[in-house]
Every structure is written in structure tokens, then in C-alpha cells.
Full PDB file with SEQRES, HELIX, SHEET, SSBOND, CRYST1, ORIGX, SCALE, CONECT and MASTER records, all heavy atoms in Angstrom:
SEQRES   1 A   36  ILE ASP PRO THR TRP GLN PRO PRO PRO CYS ASP GLY ASP          
SEQRES   2 A   36  LYS ALA THR LEU PRO ASN PHE ILE ASP VAL VAL ALA LYS          
SEQRES   3 A   36  VAL LYS PRO SER VAL VAL THR ILE GLN THR                      
HELIX    1 AA1 PHE A   20  VAL A   27  1                                   8    
HELIX    2 AA2 LYS A   28  SER A   30  5                                   3    
CRYST1    1.000    1.000    1.000  90.00  90.00  90.00 P 1           1          
ORIGX1      1.000000  0.000000  0.000000        0.00000                         
ORIGX2      0.000000  1.000000  0.000000        0.00000                         
ORIGX3      0.000000  0.000000  1.000000        0.00000                         
SCALE1      1.000000  0.000000  0.000000        0.00000                         
SCALE2      0.000000  1.000000  0.000000        0.00000                         
SCALE3      0.000000  0.000000  1.000000        0.00000                         
ATOM      1  N   ILE A   1      30.035  -6.601  18.259  1.00  0.00           N  
ATOM      2  CA  ILE A   1      29.352  -5.512  18.959  1.00  0.00           C  
ATOM      3  C   ILE A   1      28.674  -6.060  20.199  1.00  0.00           C  
ATOM      4  O   ILE A   1      28.797  -5.511  21.298  1.00  0.00           O  
ATOM      5  CB  ILE A   1      28.324  -4.841  18.027  1.00  0.00           C  
ATOM      6  CG1 ILE A   1      29.049  -4.054  16.930  1.00  0.00           C  
ATOM      7  CG2 ILE A   1      27.389  -3.924  18.813  1.00  0.00           C  
ATOM      8  CD1 ILE A   1      28.128  -3.455  15.892  1.00  0.00           C  
ATOM      9  N   ASP A   2      27.966  -7.185  20.051  1.00  0.00           N  
ATOM     10  CA  ASP A   2      27.313  -7.833  21.178  1.00  0.00           C  
ATOM     11  C   ASP A   2      27.188  -9.321  20.873  1.00  0.00           C  
ATOM     12  O   ASP A   2      26.268  -9.735  20.157  1.00  0.00           O  
ATOM     13  CB  ASP A   2      25.933  -7.219  21.420  1.00  0.00           C  
ATOM     14  CG  ASP A   2      25.215  -7.846  22.612  1.00  0.00           C  
ATOM     15  OD1 ASP A   2      25.784  -8.764  23.227  1.00  0.00           O  
ATOM     16  OD2 ASP A   2      24.084  -7.426  22.904  1.00  0.00           O  
ATOM     17  N   PRO A   3      28.109 -10.146  21.388  1.00  0.00           N  
ATOM     18  CA  PRO A   3      28.089 -11.581  21.069  1.00  0.00           C  
ATOM     19  C   PRO A   3      26.828 -12.287  21.538  1.00  0.00           C  
ATOM     20  O   PRO A   3      26.517 -13.377  21.051  1.00  0.00           O  
ATOM     21  CB  PRO A   3      29.318 -12.122  21.812  1.00  0.00           C  
ATOM     22  CG  PRO A   3      30.156 -10.936  22.118  1.00  0.00           C  
ATOM     23  CD  PRO A   3      29.232  -9.769  22.261  1.00  0.00           C  
ATOM     24  N   THR A   4      26.106 -11.703  22.485  1.00  0.00           N  
ATOM     25  CA  THR A   4      24.907 -12.353  23.023  1.00  0.00           C  
ATOM     26  C   THR A   4      23.619 -11.806  22.414  1.00  0.00           C  
ATOM     27  O   THR A   4      22.523 -12.177  22.835  1.00  0.00           O  
ATOM     28  CB  THR A   4      24.841 -12.164  24.550  1.00  0.00           C  
ATOM     29  OG1 THR A   4      24.700 -10.763  24.852  1.00  0.00           O  
ATOM     30  CG2 THR A   4      26.109 -12.686  25.211  1.00  0.00           C  
ATOM     31  N   TRP A   5      23.746 -10.946  21.423  1.00  0.00           N  
ATOM     32  CA  TRP A   5      22.573 -10.279  20.848  1.00  0.00           C  
ATOM     33  C   TRP A   5      21.619 -11.287  20.217  1.00  0.00           C  
ATOM     34  O   TRP A   5      22.043 -12.212  19.512  1.00  0.00           O  
ATOM     35  CB  TRP A   5      23.020  -9.268  19.801  1.00  0.00           C  
ATOM     36  CG  TRP A   5      21.912  -8.424  19.245  1.00  0.00           C  
ATOM     37  CD1 TRP A   5      21.314  -7.366  19.849  1.00  0.00           C  
ATOM     38  CD2 TRP A   5      21.290  -8.540  17.958  1.00  0.00           C  
ATOM     39  NE1 TRP A   5      20.363  -6.818  19.020  1.00  0.00           N  
ATOM     40  CE2 TRP A   5      20.322  -7.518  17.863  1.00  0.00           C  
ATOM     41  CE3 TRP A   5      21.462  -9.407  16.878  1.00  0.00           C  
ATOM     42  CZ2 TRP A   5      19.525  -7.336  16.735  1.00  0.00           C  
ATOM     43  CZ3 TRP A   5      20.666  -9.233  15.756  1.00  0.00           C  
ATOM     44  CH2 TRP A   5      19.702  -8.210  15.691  1.00  0.00           C  
ATOM     45  N   GLN A   6      20.366 -11.097  20.446  1.00  0.00           N  
ATOM     46  CA  GLN A   6      19.331 -11.923  19.828  1.00  0.00           C  
ATOM     47  C   GLN A   6      18.512 -11.061  18.875  1.00  0.00           C  
ATOM     48  O   GLN A   6      18.013  -9.998  19.267  1.00  0.00           O  
ATOM     49  CB  GLN A   6      18.408 -12.514  20.895  1.00  0.00           C  
ATOM     50  CG  GLN A   6      19.099 -13.502  21.825  1.00  0.00           C  
ATOM     51  CD  GLN A   6      19.536 -14.760  21.089  1.00  0.00           C  
ATOM     52  OE1 GLN A   6      18.805 -15.275  20.232  1.00  0.00           O  
ATOM     53  NE2 GLN A   6      20.712 -15.266  21.419  1.00  0.00           N  
ATOM     54  N   PRO A   7      18.370 -11.478  17.624  1.00  0.00           N  
ATOM     55  CA  PRO A   7      17.622 -10.662  16.660  1.00  0.00           C  
ATOM     56  C   PRO A   7      16.162 -10.558  17.047  1.00  0.00           C  
ATOM     57  O   PRO A   7      15.599 -11.474  17.653  1.00  0.00           O  
ATOM     58  CB  PRO A   7      17.796 -11.414  15.339  1.00  0.00           C  
ATOM     59  CG  PRO A   7      18.116 -12.818  15.734  1.00  0.00           C  
ATOM     60  CD  PRO A   7      18.877 -12.718  17.021  1.00  0.00           C  
ATOM     61  N   PRO A   8      15.528  -9.438  16.711  1.00  0.00           N  
ATOM     62  CA  PRO A   8      14.102  -9.290  17.004  1.00  0.00           C  
ATOM     63  C   PRO A   8      13.286 -10.259  16.159  1.00  0.00           C  
ATOM     64  O   PRO A   8      13.739 -10.714  15.107  1.00  0.00           O  
ATOM     65  CB  PRO A   8      13.806  -7.843  16.616  1.00  0.00           C  
ATOM     66  CG  PRO A   8      14.861  -7.496  15.618  1.00  0.00           C  
ATOM     67  CD  PRO A   8      16.080  -8.266  16.025  1.00  0.00           C  
ATOM     68  N   PRO A   9      12.096 -10.587  16.607  1.00  0.00           N  
ATOM     69  CA  PRO A   9      11.257 -11.503  15.817  1.00  0.00           C  
ATOM     70  C   PRO A   9      10.912 -10.914  14.460  1.00  0.00           C  
ATOM     71  O   PRO A   9      10.813  -9.708  14.293  1.00  0.00           O  
ATOM     72  CB  PRO A   9      10.004 -11.673  16.683  1.00  0.00           C  
ATOM     73  CG  PRO A   9       9.983 -10.474  17.573  1.00  0.00           C  
ATOM     74  CD  PRO A   9      11.420 -10.123  17.826  1.00  0.00           C  
ATOM     75  N   CYS A  10      10.758 -11.797  13.497  1.00  0.00           N  
ATOM     76  CA  CYS A  10      10.455 -11.382  12.127  1.00  0.00           C  
ATOM     77  C   CYS A  10       9.172 -12.088  11.697  1.00  0.00           C  
ATOM     78  O   CYS A  10       9.154 -12.871  10.756  1.00  0.00           O  
ATOM     79  CB  CYS A  10      11.618 -11.735  11.207  1.00  0.00           C  
ATOM     80  SG  CYS A  10      11.464 -11.177   9.512  1.00  0.00           S  
ATOM     81  N   ASP A  11       8.106 -11.800  12.402  1.00  0.00           N  
ATOM     82  CA  ASP A  11       6.860 -12.536  12.194  1.00  0.00           C  
ATOM     83  C   ASP A  11       6.032 -11.994  11.036  1.00  0.00           C  
ATOM     84  O   ASP A  11       5.344 -12.730  10.351  1.00  0.00           O  
ATOM     85  CB  ASP A  11       6.017 -12.503  13.468  1.00  0.00           C  
ATOM     86  CG  ASP A  11       6.730 -13.177  14.627  1.00  0.00           C  
ATOM     87  OD1 ASP A  11       7.501 -14.113  14.358  1.00  0.00           O  
ATOM     88  OD2 ASP A  11       6.523 -12.758  15.775  1.00  0.00           O  
ATOM     89  N   GLY A  12       6.058 -10.674  10.862  1.00  0.00           N  
ATOM     90  CA  GLY A  12       5.236 -10.084   9.823  1.00  0.00           C  
ATOM     91  C   GLY A  12       3.751 -10.258  10.078  1.00  0.00           C  
ATOM     92  O   GLY A  12       2.973 -10.408   9.135  1.00  0.00           O  
ATOM     93  N   ASP A  13       3.365 -10.240  11.347  1.00  0.00           N  
ATOM     94  CA  ASP A  13       1.953 -10.488  11.653  1.00  0.00           C  
ATOM     95  C   ASP A  13       1.278  -9.306  12.330  1.00  0.00           C  
ATOM     96  O   ASP A  13       0.235  -9.448  12.954  1.00  0.00           O  
ATOM     97  CB  ASP A  13       1.829 -11.727  12.549  1.00  0.00           C  
ATOM     98  CG  ASP A  13       2.594 -11.572  13.870  1.00  0.00           C  
ATOM     99  OD1 ASP A  13       3.267 -10.534  14.043  1.00  0.00           O  
ATOM    100  OD2 ASP A  13       2.518 -12.494  14.701  1.00  0.00           O  
ATOM    101  N   LYS A  14       1.879  -8.121  12.216  1.00  0.00           N  
ATOM    102  CA  LYS A  14       1.269  -6.946  12.821  1.00  0.00           C  
ATOM    103  C   LYS A  14       0.027  -6.530  12.023  1.00  0.00           C  
ATOM    104  O   LYS A  14      -0.072  -6.772  10.814  1.00  0.00           O  
ATOM    105  CB  LYS A  14       2.272  -5.788  12.854  1.00  0.00           C  
ATOM    106  CG  LYS A  14       3.538  -6.073  13.682  1.00  0.00           C  
ATOM    107  CD  LYS A  14       3.209  -6.200  15.151  1.00  0.00           C  
ATOM    108  CE  LYS A  14       4.470  -6.277  16.001  1.00  0.00           C  
ATOM    109  NZ  LYS A  14       5.326  -7.410  15.683  1.00  0.00           N  
ATOM    110  N   ALA A  15      -0.899  -5.885  12.703  1.00  0.00           N  
ATOM    111  CA  ALA A  15      -2.134  -5.441  12.056  1.00  0.00           C  
ATOM    112  C   ALA A  15      -1.848  -4.347  11.042  1.00  0.00           C  
ATOM    113  O   ALA A  15      -1.019  -3.454  11.279  1.00  0.00           O  
ATOM    114  CB  ALA A  15      -3.113  -4.938  13.114  1.00  0.00           C  
ATOM    115  N   THR A  16      -2.527  -4.398   9.911  1.00  0.00           N  
ATOM    116  CA  THR A  16      -2.364  -3.377   8.883  1.00  0.00           C  
ATOM    117  C   THR A  16      -2.936  -2.049   9.383  1.00  0.00           C  
ATOM    118  O   THR A  16      -4.038  -1.998   9.927  1.00  0.00           O  
ATOM    119  CB  THR A  16      -3.097  -3.799   7.595  1.00  0.00           C  
ATOM    120  OG1 THR A  16      -2.525  -5.015   7.120  1.00  0.00           O  
ATOM    121  CG2 THR A  16      -2.968  -2.724   6.524  1.00  0.00           C  
ATOM    122  N   LEU A  17      -2.173  -0.985   9.177  1.00  0.00           N  
ATOM    123  CA  LEU A  17      -2.616   0.347   9.586  1.00  0.00           C  
ATOM    124  C   LEU A  17      -3.512   0.950   8.505  1.00  0.00           C  
ATOM    125  O   LEU A  17      -3.401   0.592   7.324  1.00  0.00           O  
ATOM    126  CB  LEU A  17      -1.404   1.232   9.854  1.00  0.00           C  
ATOM    127  CG  LEU A  17      -0.506   0.736  11.000  1.00  0.00           C  
ATOM    128  CD1 LEU A  17       0.793   1.523  11.059  1.00  0.00           C  
ATOM    129  CD2 LEU A  17      -1.245   0.815  12.327  1.00  0.00           C  
ATOM    130  N   PRO A  18      -4.388   1.874   8.868  1.00  0.00           N  
ATOM    131  CA  PRO A  18      -5.384   2.352   7.899  1.00  0.00           C  
ATOM    132  C   PRO A  18      -4.830   3.198   6.769  1.00  0.00           C  
ATOM    133  O   PRO A  18      -5.416   3.235   5.684  1.00  0.00           O  
ATOM    134  CB  PRO A  18      -6.363   3.162   8.768  1.00  0.00           C  
ATOM    135  CG  PRO A  18      -5.601   3.494   9.999  1.00  0.00           C  
ATOM    136  CD  PRO A  18      -4.641   2.383  10.228  1.00  0.00           C  
ATOM    137  N   ASN A  19      -3.697   3.890   6.985  1.00  0.00           N  
ATOM    138  CA  ASN A  19      -3.180   4.771   5.932  1.00  0.00           C  
ATOM    139  C   ASN A  19      -1.716   5.074   6.175  1.00  0.00           C  
ATOM    140  O   ASN A  19      -1.137   4.687   7.207  1.00  0.00           O  
ATOM    141  CB  ASN A  19      -3.999   6.077   5.871  1.00  0.00           C  
ATOM    142  CG  ASN A  19      -4.118   6.724   7.241  1.00  0.00           C  
ATOM    143  OD1 ASN A  19      -3.130   6.939   7.929  1.00  0.00           O  
ATOM    144  ND2 ASN A  19      -5.349   7.022   7.656  1.00  0.00           N  
ATOM    145  N   PHE A  20      -1.100   5.788   5.215  1.00  0.00           N  
ATOM    146  CA  PHE A  20       0.309   6.132   5.335  1.00  0.00           C  
ATOM    147  C   PHE A  20       0.586   7.074   6.509  1.00  0.00           C  
ATOM    148  O   PHE A  20       1.689   7.088   7.047  1.00  0.00           O  
ATOM    149  CB  PHE A  20       0.811   6.781   4.035  1.00  0.00           C  
ATOM    150  CG  PHE A  20       1.156   5.789   2.951  1.00  0.00           C  
ATOM    151  CD1 PHE A  20       0.673   5.950   1.662  1.00  0.00           C  
ATOM    152  CD2 PHE A  20       1.980   4.704   3.212  1.00  0.00           C  
ATOM    153  CE1 PHE A  20       0.998   5.050   0.653  1.00  0.00           C  
ATOM    154  CE2 PHE A  20       2.313   3.797   2.228  1.00  0.00           C  
ATOM    155  CZ  PHE A  20       1.816   3.970   0.935  1.00  0.00           C  
ATOM    156  N   ILE A  21      -0.390   7.866   6.879  1.00  0.00           N  
ATOM    157  CA  ILE A  21      -0.204   8.777   8.011  1.00  0.00           C  
ATOM    158  C   ILE A  21       0.149   7.983   9.271  1.00  0.00           C  
ATOM    159  O   ILE A  21       1.091   8.310   9.998  1.00  0.00           O  
ATOM    160  CB  ILE A  21      -1.470   9.627   8.244  1.00  0.00           C  
ATOM    161  CG1 ILE A  21      -1.726  10.537   7.045  1.00  0.00           C  
ATOM    162  CG2 ILE A  21      -1.335  10.451   9.522  1.00  0.00           C  
ATOM    163  CD1 ILE A  21      -3.044  11.300   7.124  1.00  0.00           C  
ATOM    164  N   ASP A  22      -0.593   6.911   9.500  1.00  0.00           N  
ATOM    165  CA  ASP A  22      -0.335   6.085  10.671  1.00  0.00           C  
ATOM    166  C   ASP A  22       0.973   5.306  10.542  1.00  0.00           C  
ATOM    167  O   ASP A  22       1.666   5.066  11.535  1.00  0.00           O  
ATOM    168  CB  ASP A  22      -1.508   5.124  10.900  1.00  0.00           C  
ATOM    169  CG  ASP A  22      -2.783   5.853  11.269  1.00  0.00           C  
ATOM    170  OD1 ASP A  22      -2.730   6.774  12.095  1.00  0.00           O  
ATOM    171  OD2 ASP A  22      -3.838   5.517  10.702  1.00  0.00           O  
ATOM    172  N   VAL A  23       1.298   4.888   9.319  1.00  0.00           N  
ATOM    173  CA  VAL A  23       2.567   4.183   9.088  1.00  0.00           C  
ATOM    174  C   VAL A  23       3.737   5.087   9.446  1.00  0.00           C  
ATOM    175  O   VAL A  23       4.674   4.686  10.158  1.00  0.00           O  
ATOM    176  CB  VAL A  23       2.669   3.713   7.628  1.00  0.00           C  
ATOM    177  CG1 VAL A  23       4.086   3.211   7.323  1.00  0.00           C  
ATOM    178  CG2 VAL A  23       1.651   2.618   7.337  1.00  0.00           C  
ATOM    179  N   VAL A  24       3.707   6.323   8.957  1.00  0.00           N  
ATOM    180  CA  VAL A  24       4.795   7.263   9.237  1.00  0.00           C  
ATOM    181  C   VAL A  24       4.876   7.569  10.732  1.00  0.00           C  
ATOM    182  O   VAL A  24       5.961   7.625  11.323  1.00  0.00           O  
ATOM    183  CB  VAL A  24       4.607   8.560   8.433  1.00  0.00           C  
ATOM    184  CG1 VAL A  24       5.638   9.611   8.850  1.00  0.00           C  
ATOM    185  CG2 VAL A  24       4.727   8.268   6.939  1.00  0.00           C  
ATOM    186  N   ALA A  25       3.734   7.758  11.368  1.00  0.00           N  
ATOM    187  CA  ALA A  25       3.718   8.048  12.802  1.00  0.00           C  
ATOM    188  C   ALA A  25       4.369   6.922  13.604  1.00  0.00           C  
ATOM    189  O   ALA A  25       5.051   7.169  14.604  1.00  0.00           O  
ATOM    190  CB  ALA A  25       2.284   8.268  13.269  1.00  0.00           C  
ATOM    191  N   LYS A  26       4.177   5.686  13.148  1.00  0.00           N  
ATOM    192  CA  LYS A  26       4.755   4.547  13.850  1.00  0.00           C  
ATOM    193  C   LYS A  26       6.255   4.398  13.596  1.00  0.00           C  
ATOM    194  O   LYS A  26       7.031   4.126  14.522  1.00  0.00           O  
ATOM    195  CB  LYS A  26       4.039   3.255  13.431  1.00  0.00           C  
ATOM    196  CG  LYS A  26       4.623   2.004  14.065  1.00  0.00           C  
ATOM    197  CD  LYS A  26       3.913   0.749  13.584  1.00  0.00           C  
ATOM    198  CE  LYS A  26       4.590  -0.490  14.179  1.00  0.00           C  
ATOM    199  NZ  LYS A  26       3.951  -1.753  13.720  1.00  0.00           N  
ATOM    200  N   VAL A  27       6.684   4.580  12.342  1.00  0.00           N  
ATOM    201  CA  VAL A  27       8.050   4.244  11.956  1.00  0.00           C  
ATOM    202  C   VAL A  27       9.022   5.408  12.126  1.00  0.00           C  
ATOM    203  O   VAL A  27      10.193   5.215  12.488  1.00  0.00           O  
ATOM    204  CB  VAL A  27       8.083   3.733  10.498  1.00  0.00           C  
ATOM    205  CG1 VAL A  27       9.514   3.396  10.080  1.00  0.00           C  
ATOM    206  CG2 VAL A  27       7.177   2.532  10.334  1.00  0.00           C  
ATOM    207  N   LYS A  28       8.590   6.624  11.868  1.00  0.00           N  
ATOM    208  CA  LYS A  28       9.498   7.778  11.823  1.00  0.00           C  
ATOM    209  C   LYS A  28      10.368   7.927  13.076  1.00  0.00           C  
ATOM    210  O   LYS A  28      11.559   8.265  12.960  1.00  0.00           O  
ATOM    211  CB  LYS A  28       8.702   9.051  11.564  1.00  0.00           C  
ATOM    212  CG  LYS A  28       9.555  10.300  11.367  1.00  0.00           C  
ATOM    213  CD  LYS A  28       8.680  11.460  10.907  1.00  0.00           C  
ATOM    214  CE  LYS A  28       9.477  12.754  10.793  1.00  0.00           C  
ATOM    215  NZ  LYS A  28       9.776  13.325  12.132  1.00  0.00           N  
ATOM    216  N   PRO A  29       9.862   7.689  14.301  1.00  0.00           N  
ATOM    217  CA  PRO A  29      10.741   7.806  15.472  1.00  0.00           C  
ATOM    218  C   PRO A  29      11.940   6.857  15.461  1.00  0.00           C  
ATOM    219  O   PRO A  29      12.929   7.094  16.167  1.00  0.00           O  
ATOM    220  CB  PRO A  29       9.800   7.486  16.646  1.00  0.00           C  
ATOM    221  CG  PRO A  29       8.437   7.843  16.141  1.00  0.00           C  
ATOM    222  CD  PRO A  29       8.456   7.446  14.698  1.00  0.00           C  
ATOM    223  N   SER A  30      11.869   5.789  14.658  1.00  0.00           N  
ATOM    224  CA  SER A  30      12.962   4.817  14.587  1.00  0.00           C  
ATOM    225  C   SER A  30      13.958   5.118  13.473  1.00  0.00           C  
ATOM    226  O   SER A  30      14.964   4.418  13.339  1.00  0.00           O  
ATOM    227  CB  SER A  30      12.394   3.408  14.366  1.00  0.00           C  
ATOM    228  OG  SER A  30      11.463   3.068  15.364  1.00  0.00           O  
ATOM    229  N   VAL A  31      13.670   6.132  12.651  1.00  0.00           N  
ATOM    230  CA  VAL A  31      14.524   6.465  11.508  1.00  0.00           C  
ATOM    231  C   VAL A  31      15.491   7.575  11.903  1.00  0.00           C  
ATOM    232  O   VAL A  31      15.096   8.541  12.558  1.00  0.00           O  
ATOM    233  CB  VAL A  31      13.685   6.884  10.289  1.00  0.00           C  
ATOM    234  CG1 VAL A  31      14.581   7.172   9.089  1.00  0.00           C  
ATOM    235  CG2 VAL A  31      12.666   5.788   9.953  1.00  0.00           C  
ATOM    236  N   VAL A  32      16.749   7.444  11.490  1.00  0.00           N  
ATOM    237  CA  VAL A  32      17.772   8.419  11.869  1.00  0.00           C  
ATOM    238  C   VAL A  32      18.440   8.999  10.628  1.00  0.00           C  
ATOM    239  O   VAL A  32      18.431   8.399   9.551  1.00  0.00           O  
ATOM    240  CB  VAL A  32      18.856   7.776  12.768  1.00  0.00           C  
ATOM    241  CG1 VAL A  32      18.221   7.138  14.000  1.00  0.00           C  
ATOM    242  CG2 VAL A  32      19.694   6.754  11.997  1.00  0.00           C  
ATOM    243  N   THR A  33      19.000  10.177  10.815  1.00  0.00           N  
ATOM    244  CA  THR A  33      19.861  10.792   9.797  1.00  0.00           C  
ATOM    245  C   THR A  33      21.308  10.471  10.142  1.00  0.00           C  
ATOM    246  O   THR A  33      21.711  10.566  11.309  1.00  0.00           O  
ATOM    247  CB  THR A  33      19.668  12.309   9.767  1.00  0.00           C  
ATOM    248  OG1 THR A  33      18.351  12.596   9.289  1.00  0.00           O  
ATOM    249  CG2 THR A  33      20.683  12.987   8.865  1.00  0.00           C  
ATOM    250  N   ILE A  34      22.074  10.081   9.145  1.00  0.00           N  
ATOM    251  CA  ILE A  34      23.496   9.776   9.336  1.00  0.00           C  
ATOM    252  C   ILE A  34      24.311  10.791   8.553  1.00  0.00           C  
ATOM    253  O   ILE A  34      24.176  10.902   7.334  1.00  0.00           O  
ATOM    254  CB  ILE A  34      23.826   8.349   8.878  1.00  0.00           C  
ATOM    255  CG1 ILE A  34      23.004   7.336   9.688  1.00  0.00           C  
ATOM    256  CG2 ILE A  34      25.316   8.066   9.027  1.00  0.00           C  
ATOM    257  CD1 ILE A  34      23.230   5.896   9.305  1.00  0.00           C  
ATOM    258  N   GLN A  35      25.151  11.540   9.261  1.00  0.00           N  
ATOM    259  CA  GLN A  35      25.968  12.577   8.644  1.00  0.00           C  
ATOM    260  C   GLN A  35      27.443  12.190   8.706  1.00  0.00           C  
ATOM    261  O   GLN A  35      27.928  11.770   9.755  1.00  0.00           O  
ATOM    262  CB  GLN A  35      25.736  13.918   9.347  1.00  0.00           C  
ATOM    263  CG  GLN A  35      24.297  14.423   9.257  1.00  0.00           C  
ATOM    264  CD  GLN A  35      24.040  15.653  10.110  1.00  0.00           C  
ATOM    265  OE1 GLN A  35      24.669  15.844  11.140  1.00  0.00           O  
ATOM    266  NE2 GLN A  35      23.102  16.478   9.680  1.00  0.00           N  
ATOM    267  N   THR A  36      28.133  12.317   7.575  1.00  0.00           N  
ATOM    268  CA  THR A  36      29.571  12.090   7.512  1.00  0.00           C  
ATOM    269  C   THR A  36      30.222  13.265   6.807  1.00  0.00           C  
ATOM    270  O   THR A  36      29.532  14.154   6.299  1.00  0.00           O  
ATOM    271  CB  THR A  36      29.910  10.797   6.744  1.00  0.00           C  
ATOM    272  OG1 THR A  36      29.651  11.001   5.336  1.00  0.00           O  
ATOM    273  CG2 THR A  36      29.073   9.618   7.233  1.00  0.00           C  
TER     274      THR A  36                                                      
MASTER        0    0    0    2    0    0    0    6  273    1    0    3          
END                                                                             
């Protein structure tokens, strides 16, 4: 797909969010539905 692709960092050092509401707000835009 892309021979020059570099994987994103996997540091696991992001600040903890206060609740699930903030977690969903951050992650949901990156989640997709796949239909077949």
C-alpha cells in the first residue's frame, strides 16, 4: 500500500482523560463503519 509508510508512535504516554465522555469525544471521529 505504501512501502515508505512509517508507523505512528506507540508511546502510551498521553494524559488520562477525566471520564468516558471525553474518551469518546476524542476517539469517535477516528472510528468508521464498514459495510459489505
